[in-house]
Amino acid sequence: MLAFVLDSVRELLRVSRRVTNLINAMPETTVAHRHIFEALLAREPETARQAMRTHLLTVTDVWTRPVALRRDGNLTRRAGQ
């Protein structure tokens, strides 16, 4: 079942990584994931919930930044952005 779920989101995850790399958001993304992980490890559900909420709000901002998908499948920032 897990393999099916992962397979169904594989392309989304691949594109997500490409966008994250394109806009140089990997350092802040890594920090966000670390905060979530550490809160889970410490069994602090409210801290984990808040860290995840903060991360999702950041991701929403990232995904609304203007980028274009070129015909060759690569992502680029739109001119003037």
PDB file of N, CA and C in Angstrom:
ATOM      1  N   MET A   1       0.817  -1.187   0.000  1.00  0.00           N
ATOM      2  CA  MET A   1       0.000   0.000   0.000  1.00  0.00           C
ATOM      3  C   MET A   1       0.865   1.257   0.000  1.00  0.00           C
ATOM      4  N   LEU A   2       1.907   1.268   0.843  1.00  0.00           N
ATOM      5  CA  LEU A   2       2.792   2.427   0.891  1.00  0.00           C
ATOM      6  C   LEU A   2       3.449   2.656  -0.468  1.00  0.00           C
ATOM      7  N   ALA A   3       3.855   1.575  -1.121  1.00  0.00           N
ATOM      8  CA  ALA A   3       4.477   1.698  -2.437  1.00  0.00           C
ATOM      9  C   ALA A   3       3.506   2.342  -3.426  1.00  0.00           C
ATOM     10  N   PHE A   4       2.245   1.986  -3.360  1.00  0.00           N
ATOM     11  CA  PHE A   4       1.229   2.567  -4.237  1.00  0.00           C
ATOM     12  C   PHE A   4       1.092   4.072  -3.979  1.00  0.00           C
ATOM     13  N   VAL A   5       1.037   4.452  -2.713  1.00  0.00           N
ATOM     14  CA  VAL A   5       0.902   5.866  -2.357  1.00  0.00           C
ATOM     15  C   VAL A   5       2.124   6.647  -2.841  1.00  0.00           C
ATOM     16  N   LEU A   6       3.316   6.130  -2.569  1.00  0.00           N
ATOM     17  CA  LEU A   6       4.530   6.810  -2.991  1.00  0.00           C
ATOM     18  C   LEU A   6       4.608   6.917  -4.513  1.00  0.00           C
ATOM     19  N   ASP A   7       4.213   5.859  -5.193  1.00  0.00           N
ATOM     20  CA  ASP A   7       4.229   5.887  -6.650  1.00  0.00           C
ATOM     21  C   ASP A   7       3.271   6.942  -7.188  1.00  0.00           C
ATOM     22  N   SER A   8       2.138   7.115  -6.525  1.00  0.00           N
ATOM     23  CA  SER A   8       1.138   8.062  -7.009  1.00  0.00           C
ATOM     24  C   SER A   8       1.566   9.514  -6.826  1.00  0.00           C
ATOM     25  N   VAL A   9       2.490   9.784  -5.917  1.00  0.00           N
ATOM     26  CA  VAL A   9       2.942  11.158  -5.691  1.00  0.00           C
ATOM     27  C   VAL A   9       4.382  11.389  -6.157  1.00  0.00           C
ATOM     28  N   ARG A  10       4.967  10.398  -6.781  1.00  0.00           N
ATOM     29  CA  ARG A  10       6.364  10.486  -7.210  1.00  0.00           C
ATOM     30  C   ARG A  10       6.633  11.717  -8.073  1.00  0.00           C
ATOM     31  N   GLU A  11       5.815  11.949  -9.084  1.00  0.00           N
ATOM     32  CA  GLU A  11       6.025  13.085  -9.978  1.00  0.00           C
ATOM     33  C   GLU A  11       5.856  14.407  -9.233  1.00  0.00           C
ATOM     34  N   LEU A  12       4.868  14.485  -8.369  1.00  0.00           N
ATOM     35  CA  LEU A  12       4.667  15.695  -7.573  1.00  0.00           C
ATOM     36  C   LEU A  12       5.893  15.981  -6.708  1.00  0.00           C
ATOM     37  N   LEU A  13       6.432  14.959  -6.080  1.00  0.00           N
ATOM     38  CA  LEU A  13       7.621  15.134  -5.248  1.00  0.00           C
ATOM     39  C   LEU A  13       8.829  15.562  -6.085  1.00  0.00           C
ATOM     40  N   ARG A  14       8.962  14.994  -7.266  1.00  0.00           N
ATOM     41  CA  ARG A  14      10.077  15.352  -8.157  1.00  0.00           C
ATOM     42  C   ARG A  14       9.987  16.823  -8.555  1.00  0.00           C
ATOM     43  N   VAL A  15       8.794  17.264  -8.956  1.00  0.00           N
ATOM     44  CA  VAL A  15       8.603  18.663  -9.336  1.00  0.00           C
ATOM     45  C   VAL A  15       8.812  19.576  -8.129  1.00  0.00           C
ATOM     46  N   SER A  16       8.334  19.138  -6.980  1.00  0.00           N
ATOM     47  CA  SER A  16       8.503  19.922  -5.768  1.00  0.00           C
ATOM     48  C   SER A  16       9.989  20.157  -5.472  1.00  0.00           C
ATOM     49  N   ARG A  17      10.790  19.127  -5.593  1.00  0.00           N
ATOM     50  CA  ARG A  17      12.238  19.280  -5.362  1.00  0.00           C
ATOM     51  C   ARG A  17      12.849  20.223  -6.381  1.00  0.00           C
ATOM     52  N   ARG A  18      12.403  20.135  -7.632  1.00  0.00           N
ATOM     53  CA  ARG A  18      12.945  21.005  -8.670  1.00  0.00           C
ATOM     54  C   ARG A  18      12.617  22.463  -8.374  1.00  0.00           C
ATOM     55  N   VAL A  19      11.393  22.738  -7.955  1.00  0.00           N
ATOM     56  CA  VAL A  19      11.013  24.110  -7.618  1.00  0.00           C
ATOM     57  C   VAL A  19      11.814  24.589  -6.416  1.00  0.00           C
ATOM     58  N   THR A  20      11.921  23.760  -5.408  1.00  0.00           N
ATOM     59  CA  THR A  20      12.685  24.119  -4.209  1.00  0.00           C
ATOM     60  C   THR A  20      14.114  24.475  -4.572  1.00  0.00           C
ATOM     61  N   ASN A  21      14.737  23.685  -5.437  1.00  0.00           N
ATOM     62  CA  ASN A  21      16.110  23.965  -5.862  1.00  0.00           C
ATOM     63  C   ASN A  21      16.185  25.208  -6.740  1.00  0.00           C
ATOM     64  N   LEU A  22      15.216  25.384  -7.610  1.00  0.00           N
ATOM     65  CA  LEU A  22      15.206  26.521  -8.526  1.00  0.00           C
ATOM     66  C   LEU A  22      15.208  27.842  -7.775  1.00  0.00           C
ATOM     67  N   ILE A  23      14.426  27.922  -6.736  1.00  0.00           N
ATOM     68  CA  ILE A  23      14.317  29.192  -6.007  1.00  0.00           C
ATOM     69  C   ILE A  23      15.233  29.239  -4.788  1.00  0.00           C
ATOM     70  N   ASN A  24      16.153  28.293  -4.731  1.00  0.00           N
ATOM     71  CA  ASN A  24      17.148  28.253  -3.648  1.00  0.00           C
ATOM     72  C   ASN A  24      16.511  28.207  -2.261  1.00  0.00           C
ATOM     73  N   ALA A  25      15.464  27.422  -2.118  1.00  0.00           N
ATOM     74  CA  ALA A  25      14.765  27.303  -0.836  1.00  0.00           C
ATOM     75  C   ALA A  25      15.184  26.072  -0.044  1.00  0.00           C
ATOM     76  N   MET A  26      16.159  25.317  -0.536  1.00  0.00           N
ATOM     77  CA  MET A  26      16.538  24.085   0.142  1.00  0.00           C
ATOM     78  C   MET A  26      17.023  24.319   1.576  1.00  0.00           C
ATOM     79  N   PRO A  27      17.856  25.332   1.836  1.00  0.00           N
ATOM     80  CA  PRO A  27      18.291  25.516   3.234  1.00  0.00           C
ATOM     81  C   PRO A  27      17.128  25.748   4.196  1.00  0.00           C
ATOM     82  N   GLU A  28      16.178  26.624   3.829  1.00  0.00           N
ATOM     83  CA  GLU A  28      15.064  26.876   4.746  1.00  0.00           C
ATOM     84  C   GLU A  28      14.136  25.669   4.837  1.00  0.00           C
ATOM     85  N   THR A  29      14.017  24.913   3.751  1.00  0.00           N
ATOM     86  CA  THR A  29      13.191  23.710   3.771  1.00  0.00           C
ATOM     87  C   THR A  29      13.802  22.661   4.692  1.00  0.00           C
ATOM     88  N   THR A  30      15.121  22.519   4.618  1.00  0.00           N
ATOM     89  CA  THR A  30      15.817  21.557   5.474  1.00  0.00           C
ATOM     90  C   THR A  30      15.635  21.909   6.947  1.00  0.00           C
ATOM     91  N   VAL A  31      15.742  23.182   7.275  1.00  0.00           N
ATOM     92  CA  VAL A  31      15.545  23.636   8.656  1.00  0.00           C
ATOM     93  C   VAL A  31      14.110  23.345   9.105  1.00  0.00           C
ATOM     94  N   ALA A  32      13.143  23.624   8.247  1.00  0.00           N
ATOM     95  CA  ALA A  32      11.741  23.371   8.593  1.00  0.00           C
ATOM     96  C   ALA A  32      11.507  21.889   8.866  1.00  0.00           C
ATOM     97  N   HIS A  33      12.042  21.042   8.009  1.00  0.00           N
ATOM     98  CA  HIS A  33      11.886  19.596   8.204  1.00  0.00           C
ATOM     99  C   HIS A  33      12.557  19.148   9.497  1.00  0.00           C
ATOM    100  N   ARG A  34      13.711  19.737   9.805  1.00  0.00           N
ATOM    101  CA  ARG A  34      14.404  19.387  11.042  1.00  0.00           C
ATOM    102  C   ARG A  34      13.568  19.767  12.262  1.00  0.00           C
ATOM    103  N   HIS A  35      12.935  20.949  12.245  1.00  0.00           N
ATOM    104  CA  HIS A  35      12.081  21.361  13.365  1.00  0.00           C
ATOM    105  C   HIS A  35      10.913  20.392  13.559  1.00  0.00           C
ATOM    106  N   ILE A  36      10.302  19.988  12.461  1.00  0.00           N
ATOM    107  CA  ILE A  36       9.187  19.038  12.531  1.00  0.00           C
ATOM    108  C   ILE A  36       9.677  17.715  13.117  1.00  0.00           C
ATOM    109  N   PHE A  37      10.766  17.198  12.581  1.00  0.00           N
ATOM    110  CA  PHE A  37      11.317  15.921  13.030  1.00  0.00           C
ATOM    111  C   PHE A  37      11.687  15.958  14.512  1.00  0.00           C
ATOM    112  N   GLU A  38      12.370  17.017  14.920  1.00  0.00           N
ATOM    113  CA  GLU A  38      12.792  17.111  16.319  1.00  0.00           C
ATOM    114  C   GLU A  38      11.596  17.177  17.269  1.00  0.00           C
ATOM    115  N   ALA A  39      10.547  17.875  16.867  1.00  0.00           N
ATOM    116  CA  ALA A  39       9.344  17.939  17.707  1.00  0.00           C
ATOM    117  C   ALA A  39       8.687  16.567  17.802  1.00  0.00           C
ATOM    118  N   LEU A  40       8.649  15.842  16.692  1.00  0.00           N
ATOM    119  CA  LEU A  40       8.079  14.490  16.725  1.00  0.00           C
ATOM    120  C   LEU A  40       8.929  13.574  17.597  1.00  0.00           C
ATOM    121  N   LEU A  41      10.233  13.674  17.429  1.00  0.00           N
ATOM    122  CA  LEU A  41      11.146  12.853  18.225  1.00  0.00           C
ATOM    123  C   LEU A  41      10.982  13.137  19.715  1.00  0.00           C
ATOM    124  N   ALA A  42      10.754  14.386  20.068  1.00  0.00           N
ATOM    125  CA  ALA A  42      10.579  14.781  21.468  1.00  0.00           C
ATOM    126  C   ALA A  42       9.163  14.504  21.972  1.00  0.00           C
ATOM    127  N   ARG A  43       8.322  13.972  21.085  1.00  0.00           N
ATOM    128  CA  ARG A  43       6.923  13.666  21.433  1.00  0.00           C
ATOM    129  C   ARG A  43       6.194  14.917  21.935  1.00  0.00           C
ATOM    130  N   GLU A  44       6.389  15.999  21.174  1.00  0.00           N
ATOM    131  CA  GLU A  44       5.731  17.267  21.469  1.00  0.00           C
ATOM    132  C   GLU A  44       4.769  17.580  20.327  1.00  0.00           C
ATOM    133  N   PRO A  45       3.547  17.033  20.395  1.00  0.00           N
ATOM    134  CA  PRO A  45       2.626  17.157  19.268  1.00  0.00           C
ATOM    135  C   PRO A  45       2.247  18.601  18.922  1.00  0.00           C
ATOM    136  N   GLU A  46       2.090  19.455  19.906  1.00  0.00           N
ATOM    137  CA  GLU A  46       1.712  20.834  19.598  1.00  0.00           C
ATOM    138  C   GLU A  46       2.848  21.572  18.900  1.00  0.00           C
ATOM    139  N   THR A  47       4.068  21.323  19.340  1.00  0.00           N
ATOM    140  CA  THR A  47       5.234  21.933  18.687  1.00  0.00           C
ATOM    141  C   THR A  47       5.360  21.408  17.261  1.00  0.00           C
ATOM    142  N   ALA A  48       5.164  20.105  17.078  1.00  0.00           N
ATOM    143  CA  ALA A  48       5.223  19.506  15.736  1.00  0.00           C
ATOM    144  C   ALA A  48       4.126  20.077  14.847  1.00  0.00           C
ATOM    145  N   ARG A  49       2.938  20.216  15.400  1.00  0.00           N
ATOM    146  CA  ARG A  49       1.804  20.766  14.647  1.00  0.00           C
ATOM    147  C   ARG A  49       2.115  22.186  14.185  1.00  0.00           C
ATOM    148  N   GLN A  50       2.650  22.996  15.080  1.00  0.00           N
ATOM    149  CA  GLN A  50       2.972  24.379  14.726  1.00  0.00           C
ATOM    150  C   GLN A  50       4.104  24.443  13.701  1.00  0.00           C
ATOM    151  N   ALA A  51       5.110  23.584  13.869  1.00  0.00           N
ATOM    152  CA  ALA A  51       6.217  23.548  12.910  1.00  0.00           C
ATOM    153  C   ALA A  51       5.709  23.134  11.527  1.00  0.00           C
ATOM    154  N   MET A  52       4.803  22.176  11.488  1.00  0.00           N
ATOM    155  CA  MET A  52       4.245  21.735  10.213  1.00  0.00           C
ATOM    156  C   MET A  52       3.394  22.826   9.594  1.00  0.00           C
ATOM    157  N   ARG A  53       2.599  23.500  10.404  1.00  0.00           N
ATOM    158  CA  ARG A  53       1.763  24.597   9.893  1.00  0.00           C
ATOM    159  C   ARG A  53       2.640  25.701   9.296  1.00  0.00           C
ATOM    160  N   THR A  54       3.689  26.064  10.009  1.00  0.00           N
ATOM    161  CA  THR A  54       4.610  27.088   9.516  1.00  0.00           C
ATOM    162  C   THR A  54       5.228  26.656   8.195  1.00  0.00           C
ATOM    163  N   HIS A  55       5.654  25.406   8.126  1.00  0.00           N
ATOM    164  CA  HIS A  55       6.252  24.873   6.899  1.00  0.00           C
ATOM    165  C   HIS A  55       5.248  24.911   5.746  1.00  0.00           C
ATOM    166  N   LEU A  56       4.015  24.499   5.994  1.00  0.00           N
ATOM    167  CA  LEU A  56       3.013  24.491   4.933  1.00  0.00           C
ATOM    168  C   LEU A  56       2.690  25.899   4.439  1.00  0.00           C
ATOM    169  N   LEU A  57       2.684  26.859   5.332  1.00  0.00           N
ATOM    170  CA  LEU A  57       2.469  28.250   4.910  1.00  0.00           C
ATOM    171  C   LEU A  57       3.622  28.732   4.038  1.00  0.00           C
ATOM    172  N   THR A  58       4.836  28.337   4.400  1.00  0.00           N
ATOM    173  CA  THR A  58       5.995  28.692   3.586  1.00  0.00           C
ATOM    174  C   THR A  58       5.911  28.027   2.220  1.00  0.00           C
ATOM    175  N   VAL A  59       5.543  26.757   2.209  1.00  0.00           N
ATOM    176  CA  VAL A  59       5.414  26.026   0.946  1.00  0.00           C
ATOM    177  C   VAL A  59       4.351  26.681   0.061  1.00  0.00           C
ATOM    178  N   THR A  60       3.265  27.106   0.653  1.00  0.00           N
ATOM    179  CA  THR A  60       2.218  27.795  -0.117  1.00  0.00           C
ATOM    180  C   THR A  60       2.795  29.041  -0.770  1.00  0.00           C
ATOM    181  N   ASP A  61       3.600  29.791  -0.021  1.00  0.00           N
ATOM    182  CA  ASP A  61       4.244  30.978  -0.580  1.00  0.00           C
ATOM    183  C   ASP A  61       5.176  30.593  -1.724  1.00  0.00           C
ATOM    184  N   VAL A  62       5.964  29.552  -1.528  1.00  0.00           N
ATOM    185  CA  VAL A  62       6.906  29.104  -2.559  1.00  0.00           C
ATOM    186  C   VAL A  62       6.168  28.712  -3.831  1.00  0.00           C
ATOM    187  N   TRP A  63       5.084  27.966  -3.684  1.00  0.00           N
ATOM    188  CA  TRP A  63       4.355  27.475  -4.850  1.00  0.00           C
ATOM    189  C   TRP A  63       3.573  28.560  -5.574  1.00  0.00           C
ATOM    190  N   THR A  64       3.411  29.712  -4.957  1.00  0.00           N
ATOM    191  CA  THR A  64       2.712  30.794  -5.654  1.00  0.00           C
ATOM    192  C   THR A  64       3.682  31.786  -6.283  1.00  0.00           C
ATOM    193  N   ARG A  65       4.989  31.573  -6.107  1.00  0.00           N
ATOM    194  CA  ARG A  65       5.973  32.413  -6.779  1.00  0.00           C
ATOM    195  C   ARG A  65       5.949  32.089  -8.266  1.00  0.00           C
ATOM    196  N   PRO A  66       6.103  33.106  -9.085  1.00  0.00           N
ATOM    197  CA  PRO A  66       6.008  32.866 -10.536  1.00  0.00           C
ATOM    198  C   PRO A  66       7.193  32.084 -11.090  1.00  0.00           C
ATOM    199  N   VAL A  67       6.895  30.924 -11.630  1.00  0.00           N
ATOM    200  CA  VAL A  67       7.875  30.123 -12.361  1.00  0.00           C
ATOM    201  C   VAL A  67       7.198  29.620 -13.623  1.00  0.00           C
ATOM    202  N   ALA A  68       7.988  29.238 -14.584  1.00  0.00           N
ATOM    203  CA  ALA A  68       7.451  28.732 -15.843  1.00  0.00           C
ATOM    204  C   ALA A  68       8.058  27.367 -16.131  1.00  0.00           C
ATOM    205  N   LEU A  69       7.267  26.490 -16.691  1.00  0.00           N
ATOM    206  CA  LEU A  69       7.736  25.178 -17.110  1.00  0.00           C
ATOM    207  C   LEU A  69       8.074  25.267 -18.597  1.00  0.00           C
ATOM    208  N   ARG A  70       9.346  25.072 -18.917  1.00  0.00           N
ATOM    209  CA  ARG A  70       9.776  25.154 -20.309  1.00  0.00           C
ATOM    210  C   ARG A  70       9.383  23.882 -21.048  1.00  0.00           C
ATOM    211  N   ARG A  71       9.426  23.932 -22.352  1.00  0.00           N
ATOM    212  CA  ARG A  71       9.072  22.765 -23.161  1.00  0.00           C
ATOM    213  C   ARG A  71       9.978  21.571 -22.908  1.00  0.00           C
ATOM    214  N   ASP A  72      11.204  21.836 -22.486  1.00  0.00           N
ATOM    215  CA  ASP A  72      12.127  20.722 -22.228  1.00  0.00           C
ATOM    216  C   ASP A  72      11.908  20.130 -20.833  1.00  0.00           C
ATOM    217  N   GLY A  73      10.914  20.659 -20.101  1.00  0.00           N
ATOM    218  CA  GLY A  73      10.588  20.109 -18.791  1.00  0.00           C
ATOM    219  C   GLY A  73      11.299  20.783 -17.635  1.00  0.00           C
ATOM    220  N   ASN A  74      12.182  21.733 -17.942  1.00  0.00           N
ATOM    221  CA  ASN A  74      12.882  22.448 -16.888  1.00  0.00           C
ATOM    222  C   ASN A  74      12.069  23.644 -16.414  1.00  0.00           C
ATOM    223  N   LEU A  75      12.279  24.014 -15.173  1.00  0.00           N
ATOM    224  CA  LEU A  75      11.591  25.156 -14.603  1.00  0.00           C
ATOM    225  C   LEU A  75      12.502  26.374 -14.628  1.00  0.00           C
ATOM    226  N   THR A  76      11.916  27.529 -14.889  1.00  0.00           N
ATOM    227  CA  THR A  76      12.682  28.767 -14.849  1.00  0.00           C
ATOM    228  C   THR A  76      11.845  29.832 -14.169  1.00  0.00           C
ATOM    229  N   ARG A  77      12.518  30.820 -13.602  1.00  0.00           N
ATOM    230  CA  ARG A  77      11.785  31.969 -13.078  1.00  0.00           C
ATOM    231  C   ARG A  77      11.275  32.770 -14.256  1.00  0.00           C
ATOM    232  N   ARG A  78      10.103  33.349 -14.090  1.00  0.00           N
ATOM    233  CA  ARG A  78       9.580  34.204 -15.145  1.00  0.00           C
ATOM    234  C   ARG A  78      10.360  35.512 -15.177  1.00  0.00           C
ATOM    235  N   ALA A  79      10.498  36.077 -16.340  1.00  0.00           N
ATOM    236  CA  ALA A  79      11.248  37.327 -16.524  1.00  0.00           C
ATOM    237  C   ALA A  79      10.718  38.400 -15.588  1.00  0.00           C
ATOM    238  N   GLY A  80      11.635  39.141 -14.994  1.00  0.00           N
ATOM    239  CA  GLY A  80      11.253  40.244 -14.127  1.00  0.00           C
ATOM    240  C   GLY A  80      10.905  39.806 -12.716  1.00  0.00           C
ATOM    241  N   GLN A  81      11.081  38.547 -12.383  1.00  0.00           N
ATOM    242  CA  GLN A  81      10.721  38.057 -11.043  1.00  0.00           C
ATOM    243  C   GLN A  81      11.945  37.779 -10.238  1.00  0.00           C
TER     244      GLN A  81
END
